[in-house]
Amino acid sequence: MTKNPVFEQFKEEFPDVFSTFNDLYKTVSSKALDEKTKQLVYLGILTVTRYAPAFRVHIKKALEAGATESEIKEAIMLAIPAGGLCNFLSVLPDMMDELNG
């Protein structure tokens, strides 16, 4: 699986903060959404924030959770009206690399 090297560094350098961050994810992540839906939501958010390292990781996670390429592309394109075309364009090459890789 693709790893986010900066996130891995965060985990190594600040293990206590990482643990708290991980607990936060577990706290806000109930069972209301299935894993595929969670990953698609993540992709929309990561598109708007332009965070390509995590973006690539979550594409793989979405595929592993059963998302199709069409669903991934649509989730990412849904970020255009809310987040702007420039944010979408900034992650487009990463999306295509992961989907075609």
N, C-alpha and C. Protein backbone atom coordinates (compact mmCIF):
# COMPACT_ATOMS: atom_id res chain seq x y z
N MET A 1 0.84 -1.18 0.00
CA MET A 1 0.00 0.00 0.00
C MET A 1 0.87 1.24 0.00
N THR A 2 0.44 2.23 -0.74
CA THR A 2 1.11 3.52 -0.74
C THR A 2 1.04 4.11 0.66
N LYS A 3 2.14 4.63 1.13
CA LYS A 3 2.17 5.28 2.44
C LYS A 3 2.46 6.75 2.26
N ASN A 4 1.93 7.53 3.15
CA ASN A 4 2.19 8.96 3.18
C ASN A 4 3.45 9.17 4.02
N PRO A 5 4.58 9.52 3.39
CA PRO A 5 5.83 9.62 4.14
C PRO A 5 5.80 10.69 5.24
N VAL A 6 5.08 11.75 5.02
CA VAL A 6 5.01 12.81 6.03
C VAL A 6 4.20 12.33 7.24
N PHE A 7 3.13 11.59 6.98
CA PHE A 7 2.33 11.04 8.07
C PHE A 7 3.15 10.03 8.86
N GLU A 8 3.94 9.22 8.17
CA GLU A 8 4.81 8.26 8.85
C GLU A 8 5.83 8.98 9.73
N GLN A 9 6.36 10.09 9.23
CA GLN A 9 7.31 10.88 10.02
C GLN A 9 6.61 11.47 11.25
N PHE A 10 5.39 11.98 11.06
CA PHE A 10 4.59 12.49 12.17
C PHE A 10 4.43 11.41 13.24
N LYS A 11 4.12 10.19 12.81
CA LYS A 11 3.91 9.07 13.72
C LYS A 11 5.19 8.76 14.50
N GLU A 12 6.34 8.82 13.83
CA GLU A 12 7.61 8.52 14.48
C GLU A 12 8.06 9.63 15.42
N GLU A 13 7.94 10.87 14.98
CA GLU A 13 8.45 12.01 15.74
C GLU A 13 7.56 12.41 16.91
N PHE A 14 6.26 12.18 16.77
CA PHE A 14 5.31 12.64 17.79
C PHE A 14 4.32 11.51 18.13
N PRO A 15 4.82 10.42 18.70
CA PRO A 15 3.95 9.26 18.93
C PRO A 15 2.74 9.56 19.83
N ASP A 16 2.90 10.40 20.83
CA ASP A 16 1.77 10.71 21.71
C ASP A 16 0.69 11.50 20.98
N VAL A 17 1.12 12.45 20.18
CA VAL A 17 0.16 13.25 19.41
C VAL A 17 -0.50 12.37 18.36
N PHE A 18 0.28 11.50 17.73
CA PHE A 18 -0.28 10.56 16.76
C PHE A 18 -1.36 9.70 17.40
N SER A 19 -1.08 9.19 18.59
CA SER A 19 -2.04 8.34 19.29
C SER A 19 -3.34 9.11 19.56
N THR A 20 -3.22 10.35 19.97
CA THR A 20 -4.40 11.18 20.22
C THR A 20 -5.15 11.43 18.92
N PHE A 21 -4.43 11.69 17.85
CA PHE A 21 -5.05 11.90 16.54
C PHE A 21 -5.79 10.63 16.10
N ASN A 22 -5.16 9.51 16.29
CA ASN A 22 -5.77 8.23 15.92
C ASN A 22 -7.04 7.97 16.74
N ASP A 23 -6.99 8.31 18.01
CA ASP A 23 -8.18 8.17 18.86
C ASP A 23 -9.30 9.10 18.39
N LEU A 24 -8.94 10.29 17.93
CA LEU A 24 -9.94 11.23 17.41
C LEU A 24 -10.64 10.62 16.21
N TYR A 25 -9.89 10.03 15.29
CA TYR A 25 -10.49 9.39 14.12
C TYR A 25 -11.48 8.31 14.56
N LYS A 26 -11.05 7.49 15.50
CA LYS A 26 -11.92 6.41 15.98
C LYS A 26 -13.19 6.98 16.63
N THR A 27 -13.06 8.09 17.34
CA THR A 27 -14.20 8.70 18.02
C THR A 27 -15.21 9.26 17.04
N VAL A 28 -14.75 9.93 15.99
CA VAL A 28 -15.68 10.54 15.04
C VAL A 28 -16.15 9.57 13.97
N SER A 29 -15.53 8.43 13.88
CA SER A 29 -15.86 7.46 12.86
C SER A 29 -16.77 6.39 13.44
N SER A 30 -18.06 6.63 13.34
CA SER A 30 -19.02 5.65 13.86
C SER A 30 -19.24 4.57 12.81
N LYS A 31 -20.25 3.78 13.03
CA LYS A 31 -20.60 2.73 12.09
C LYS A 31 -21.71 3.15 11.13
N ALA A 32 -22.07 4.44 11.14
CA ALA A 32 -23.16 4.91 10.28
C ALA A 32 -22.79 4.83 8.80
N LEU A 33 -21.53 5.04 8.48
CA LEU A 33 -21.07 4.98 7.08
C LEU A 33 -20.20 3.74 6.88
N ASP A 34 -20.37 3.09 5.76
CA ASP A 34 -19.49 1.96 5.45
C ASP A 34 -18.13 2.50 5.03
N GLU A 35 -17.14 1.62 5.01
CA GLU A 35 -15.76 2.04 4.74
C GLU A 35 -15.62 2.68 3.35
N LYS A 36 -16.29 2.15 2.37
CA LYS A 36 -16.20 2.72 1.02
C LYS A 36 -16.68 4.17 1.02
N THR A 37 -17.81 4.41 1.66
CA THR A 37 -18.36 5.77 1.71
C THR A 37 -17.41 6.70 2.45
N LYS A 38 -16.85 6.24 3.56
CA LYS A 38 -15.89 7.05 4.32
C LYS A 38 -14.71 7.46 3.44
N GLN A 39 -14.20 6.51 2.67
CA GLN A 39 -13.04 6.81 1.82
C GLN A 39 -13.41 7.80 0.71
N LEU A 40 -14.60 7.68 0.17
CA LEU A 40 -15.03 8.61 -0.87
C LEU A 40 -15.19 10.02 -0.30
N VAL A 41 -15.72 10.11 0.92
CA VAL A 41 -15.83 11.42 1.58
C VAL A 41 -14.44 11.99 1.81
N TYR A 42 -13.53 11.16 2.32
CA TYR A 42 -12.14 11.58 2.53
C TYR A 42 -11.55 12.15 1.24
N LEU A 43 -11.77 11.47 0.12
CA LEU A 43 -11.21 11.94 -1.15
C LEU A 43 -11.72 13.31 -1.53
N GLY A 44 -12.99 13.56 -1.30
CA GLY A 44 -13.53 14.90 -1.58
C GLY A 44 -12.86 15.95 -0.72
N ILE A 45 -12.70 15.64 0.56
CA ILE A 45 -12.06 16.59 1.48
C ILE A 45 -10.60 16.80 1.10
N LEU A 46 -9.90 15.72 0.80
CA LEU A 46 -8.48 15.84 0.45
C LEU A 46 -8.29 16.58 -0.87
N THR A 47 -9.27 16.51 -1.75
CA THR A 47 -9.20 17.27 -2.99
C THR A 47 -9.22 18.76 -2.68
N VAL A 48 -10.14 19.16 -1.82
CA VAL A 48 -10.28 20.57 -1.47
C VAL A 48 -9.04 21.08 -0.72
N THR A 49 -8.44 20.23 0.10
CA THR A 49 -7.25 20.65 0.84
C THR A 49 -5.96 20.46 0.06
N ARG A 50 -6.05 19.81 -1.10
CA ARG A 50 -4.90 19.59 -2.00
C ARG A 50 -3.78 18.78 -1.34
N TYR A 51 -4.12 17.86 -0.49
CA TYR A 51 -3.08 17.11 0.20
C TYR A 51 -2.82 15.80 -0.53
N ALA A 52 -1.96 15.88 -1.53
CA ALA A 52 -1.71 14.76 -2.44
C ALA A 52 -1.16 13.50 -1.76
N PRO A 53 -0.24 13.60 -0.78
CA PRO A 53 0.26 12.35 -0.18
C PRO A 53 -0.86 11.50 0.44
N ALA A 54 -1.75 12.13 1.19
CA ALA A 54 -2.87 11.38 1.78
C ALA A 54 -3.88 10.99 0.71
N PHE A 55 -4.04 11.84 -0.28
CA PHE A 55 -4.97 11.60 -1.39
C PHE A 55 -4.66 10.27 -2.06
N ARG A 56 -3.39 10.03 -2.34
CA ARG A 56 -2.98 8.79 -3.00
C ARG A 56 -3.26 7.58 -2.11
N VAL A 57 -3.01 7.70 -0.83
CA VAL A 57 -3.27 6.61 0.12
C VAL A 57 -4.76 6.28 0.15
N HIS A 58 -5.59 7.32 0.18
CA HIS A 58 -7.03 7.08 0.32
C HIS A 58 -7.67 6.60 -0.99
N ILE A 59 -7.05 6.86 -2.12
CA ILE A 59 -7.53 6.23 -3.36
C ILE A 59 -7.37 4.72 -3.24
N LYS A 60 -6.20 4.29 -2.79
CA LYS A 60 -5.97 2.85 -2.61
C LYS A 60 -6.94 2.26 -1.60
N LYS A 61 -7.17 2.97 -0.50
CA LYS A 61 -8.10 2.48 0.52
C LYS A 61 -9.52 2.39 -0.04
N ALA A 62 -9.91 3.37 -0.86
CA ALA A 62 -11.25 3.35 -1.46
C ALA A 62 -11.39 2.15 -2.39
N LEU A 63 -10.38 1.90 -3.19
CA LEU A 63 -10.42 0.73 -4.09
C LEU A 63 -10.51 -0.56 -3.28
N GLU A 64 -9.72 -0.66 -2.21
CA GLU A 64 -9.75 -1.85 -1.36
C GLU A 64 -11.10 -2.03 -0.69
N ALA A 65 -11.80 -0.91 -0.44
CA ALA A 65 -13.12 -0.97 0.21
C ALA A 65 -14.24 -1.24 -0.80
N GLY A 66 -13.87 -1.38 -2.09
CA GLY A 66 -14.86 -1.73 -3.10
C GLY A 66 -15.32 -0.60 -3.99
N ALA A 67 -14.74 0.58 -3.85
CA ALA A 67 -15.11 1.69 -4.72
C ALA A 67 -14.63 1.42 -6.15
N THR A 68 -15.42 1.85 -7.11
CA THR A 68 -15.01 1.74 -8.50
C THR A 68 -14.26 3.00 -8.91
N GLU A 69 -13.57 2.92 -10.02
CA GLU A 69 -12.89 4.11 -10.54
C GLU A 69 -13.89 5.22 -10.80
N SER A 70 -15.05 4.88 -11.32
CA SER A 70 -16.08 5.89 -11.59
C SER A 70 -16.54 6.57 -10.31
N GLU A 71 -16.72 5.80 -9.26
CA GLU A 71 -17.14 6.38 -7.97
C GLU A 71 -16.06 7.30 -7.42
N ILE A 72 -14.82 6.89 -7.54
CA ILE A 72 -13.71 7.72 -7.06
C ILE A 72 -13.65 9.03 -7.85
N LYS A 73 -13.74 8.94 -9.15
CA LYS A 73 -13.70 10.15 -9.98
C LYS A 73 -14.85 11.08 -9.64
N GLU A 74 -16.05 10.52 -9.45
CA GLU A 74 -17.20 11.36 -9.12
C GLU A 74 -17.04 12.02 -7.76
N ALA A 75 -16.55 11.29 -6.77
CA ALA A 75 -16.34 11.86 -5.44
C ALA A 75 -15.37 13.03 -5.51
N ILE A 76 -14.35 12.88 -6.33
CA ILE A 76 -13.34 13.94 -6.46
C ILE A 76 -13.91 15.12 -7.23
N MET A 77 -14.67 14.85 -8.27
CA MET A 77 -15.26 15.94 -9.06
C MET A 77 -16.33 16.70 -8.27
N LEU A 78 -16.98 16.04 -7.31
CA LEU A 78 -17.96 16.73 -6.48
C LEU A 78 -17.33 17.84 -5.65
N ALA A 79 -16.02 17.79 -5.50
CA ALA A 79 -15.32 18.85 -4.77
C ALA A 79 -15.20 20.13 -5.58
N ILE A 80 -15.40 20.06 -6.89
CA ILE A 80 -15.22 21.24 -7.74
C ILE A 80 -16.17 22.38 -7.35
N PRO A 81 -17.50 22.16 -7.23
CA PRO A 81 -18.38 23.28 -6.88
C PRO A 81 -18.07 23.89 -5.51
N ALA A 82 -17.72 23.06 -4.54
CA ALA A 82 -17.48 23.57 -3.19
C ALA A 82 -16.05 24.08 -3.01
N GLY A 83 -15.10 23.43 -3.65
CA GLY A 83 -13.69 23.74 -3.40
C GLY A 83 -12.97 24.43 -4.54
N GLY A 84 -13.56 24.42 -5.72
CA GLY A 84 -12.95 25.11 -6.84
C GLY A 84 -12.22 24.18 -7.80
N LEU A 85 -12.20 24.60 -9.04
CA LEU A 85 -11.55 23.83 -10.09
C LEU A 85 -10.05 23.69 -9.86
N CYS A 86 -9.40 24.74 -9.35
CA CYS A 86 -7.95 24.67 -9.14
C CYS A 86 -7.57 23.57 -8.16
N ASN A 87 -8.36 23.38 -7.12
CA ASN A 87 -8.07 22.30 -6.17
C ASN A 87 -8.19 20.94 -6.85
N PHE A 88 -9.23 20.78 -7.66
CA PHE A 88 -9.41 19.54 -8.41
C PHE A 88 -8.23 19.30 -9.34
N LEU A 89 -7.85 20.33 -10.08
CA LEU A 89 -6.75 20.19 -11.03
C LEU A 89 -5.43 19.86 -10.34
N SER A 90 -5.27 20.33 -9.10
CA SER A 90 -4.02 20.08 -8.38
C SER A 90 -3.84 18.60 -8.03
N VAL A 91 -4.95 17.86 -7.88
CA VAL A 91 -4.84 16.44 -7.53
C VAL A 91 -5.12 15.52 -8.71
N LEU A 92 -5.57 16.07 -9.82
CA LEU A 92 -5.90 15.26 -10.99
C LEU A 92 -4.76 14.34 -11.42
N PRO A 93 -3.51 14.82 -11.54
CA PRO A 93 -2.43 13.91 -11.94
C PRO A 93 -2.22 12.76 -10.95
N ASP A 94 -2.35 13.05 -9.65
CA ASP A 94 -2.19 12.00 -8.64
C ASP A 94 -3.31 10.97 -8.76
N MET A 95 -4.52 11.44 -9.01
CA MET A 95 -5.64 10.53 -9.17
C MET A 95 -5.39 9.60 -10.37
N MET A 96 -5.00 10.16 -11.48
CA MET A 96 -4.80 9.36 -12.68
C MET A 96 -3.63 8.39 -12.49
N ASP A 97 -2.56 8.83 -11.83
CA ASP A 97 -1.43 7.92 -11.56
C ASP A 97 -1.86 6.73 -10.72
N GLU A 98 -2.64 7.00 -9.67
CA GLU A 98 -3.07 5.91 -8.80
C GLU A 98 -4.05 4.97 -9.50
N LEU A 99 -4.96 5.52 -10.27
CA LEU A 99 -5.95 4.68 -10.94
C LEU A 99 -5.37 3.91 -12.11
N ASN A 100 -4.34 4.47 -12.74
CA ASN A 100 -3.73 3.80 -13.89
C ASN A 100 -2.48 3.00 -13.52
N GLY A 101 -2.04 3.14 -12.26
CA GLY A 101 -0.79 2.53 -11.84
C GLY A 101 -0.89 1.12 -11.55
